[in-house]
Amino acid sequence: MGLAYTRTQRVTTGMGRVQAQSMRTRIQDQMKHLRDRYRAALKENELQEAFDELWPTWSSEMAAMIYAEVLSALDLLLLTSVIDNRREIKKLKNELEKVLCI
């Protein structure tokens, strides 16, 4: 489900009109689609909760995703999720080091 690689994409509506769709709109549409379809299909509650925790990061980093403009909307969502995961891992490592006095 890749989307175009530019900030705006021309989309033909059902009436045959051509409209420009912004990268923000495409990312938001992809986010909604993932929430409605993908999240609902996840079987474990923990995975659904983990998905829910990505939403604030995606929303707060929308400008960075738009600025990148060379990736599809889904690629940008995944990249942002990976970066957020790395941040969480670093936090946990720091907490563990404090507990273990390393």
Protein backbone atom coordinates (compact mmCIF):
# COMPACT_ATOMS: atom_id res chain seq x y z
CA MET A 1 0.00 0.00 0.00
CA GLY A 2 2.77 2.42 -0.93
CA LEU A 3 1.96 6.04 -1.47
CA ALA A 4 3.67 8.64 -3.64
CA TYR A 5 7.04 10.06 -2.68
CA THR A 6 6.24 13.76 -2.84
CA ARG A 7 4.59 16.19 -0.45
CA THR A 8 1.45 16.27 -2.55
CA GLN A 9 -0.11 13.61 -4.70
CA ARG A 10 -2.79 14.02 -7.31
CA VAL A 11 -5.82 11.87 -6.58
CA THR A 12 -8.77 11.28 -8.86
CA THR A 13 -12.08 11.36 -7.03
CA GLY A 14 -15.12 9.29 -7.95
CA MET A 15 -16.45 12.21 -9.97
CA GLY A 16 -13.29 12.31 -12.10
CA ARG A 17 -11.95 15.47 -10.46
CA VAL A 18 -8.27 15.65 -9.68
CA GLN A 19 -7.32 16.91 -6.22
CA ALA A 20 -3.96 17.27 -4.54
CA GLN A 21 -3.58 15.21 -1.38
CA SER A 22 -0.98 16.45 1.09
CA MET A 23 1.60 14.23 2.75
CA ARG A 24 0.00 15.04 6.12
CA THR A 25 -3.35 13.77 4.84
CA ARG A 26 -1.78 10.62 3.41
CA ILE A 27 0.04 9.88 6.68
CA GLN A 28 -3.10 10.52 8.73
CA ASP A 29 -5.13 8.30 6.39
CA GLN A 30 -2.53 5.54 6.71
CA MET A 31 -2.57 5.89 10.51
CA LYS A 32 -6.36 5.60 10.58
CA HIS A 33 -6.29 2.60 8.25
CA LEU A 34 -3.72 0.85 10.45
CA ARG A 35 -5.72 1.60 13.60
CA ASP A 36 -8.99 0.42 12.10
CA ARG A 37 -7.71 -2.68 10.32
CA TYR A 38 -4.30 -3.75 11.58
CA ARG A 39 -4.74 -2.98 15.28
CA ALA A 40 -8.12 -4.69 15.31
CA ALA A 41 -6.53 -7.80 13.80
CA LEU A 42 -3.85 -8.07 16.49
CA LYS A 43 -4.83 -10.96 18.74
CA GLU A 44 -3.00 -10.10 21.94
CA ASN A 45 -4.07 -7.19 24.12
CA GLU A 46 -0.42 -6.36 24.81
CA LEU A 47 0.21 -5.89 21.09
CA GLN A 48 -2.87 -3.69 20.74
CA GLU A 49 -1.70 -1.61 23.70
CA ALA A 50 1.80 -1.37 22.20
CA PHE A 51 0.23 -0.15 18.96
CA ASP A 52 -1.76 2.47 20.90
CA GLU A 53 1.47 3.76 22.42
CA LEU A 54 2.82 4.55 18.95
CA TRP A 55 0.01 6.99 18.17
CA PRO A 56 1.35 9.91 20.28
CA THR A 57 4.81 9.52 18.74
CA TRP A 58 3.39 9.44 15.22
CA SER A 59 1.29 12.53 15.95
CA SER A 60 4.08 14.51 17.59
CA GLU A 61 6.60 13.65 14.86
CA MET A 62 4.29 14.40 11.93
CA ALA A 63 6.43 17.36 10.82
CA ALA A 64 9.57 15.22 10.65
CA MET A 65 7.73 12.60 8.61
CA ILE A 66 6.43 15.25 6.20
CA TYR A 67 9.86 16.86 5.92
CA ALA A 68 11.45 13.54 4.92
CA GLU A 69 9.22 13.47 1.82
CA VAL A 70 11.21 10.69 0.12
CA LEU A 71 9.47 7.76 1.78
CA SER A 72 5.94 6.47 1.56
CA ALA A 73 3.55 7.23 4.41
CA LEU A 74 3.78 3.66 5.72
CA ASP A 75 7.59 3.74 5.57
CA LEU A 76 7.58 6.95 7.61
CA LEU A 77 5.24 5.50 10.22
CA LEU A 78 7.45 2.43 10.56
CA LEU A 79 10.64 4.47 10.77
CA THR A 80 9.14 6.69 13.46
CA SER A 81 8.05 3.59 15.38
CA VAL A 82 11.53 2.09 15.20
CA ILE A 83 13.06 5.32 16.50
CA ASP A 84 10.53 5.43 19.33
CA ASN A 85 11.37 1.82 20.22
CA ARG A 86 15.07 2.68 20.34
CA ARG A 87 14.30 5.57 22.68
CA GLU A 88 12.37 3.27 25.00
CA ILE A 89 15.16 0.69 24.95
CA LYS A 90 17.69 3.39 25.87
CA LYS A 91 15.48 4.53 28.78
CA LEU A 92 15.23 0.96 30.06
CA LYS A 93 18.99 0.43 29.75
CA ASN A 94 19.64 3.62 31.73
CA GLU A 95 17.20 2.56 34.44
CA LEU A 96 18.80 -0.88 34.61
CA GLU A 97 22.26 0.64 34.92
CA LYS A 98 21.06 2.80 37.82
CA VAL A 99 19.55 -0.19 39.57
CA LEU A 100 22.67 -2.30 39.06
CA CYS A 101 24.99 0.64 39.86
CA ILE A 102 27.03 0.14 36.71
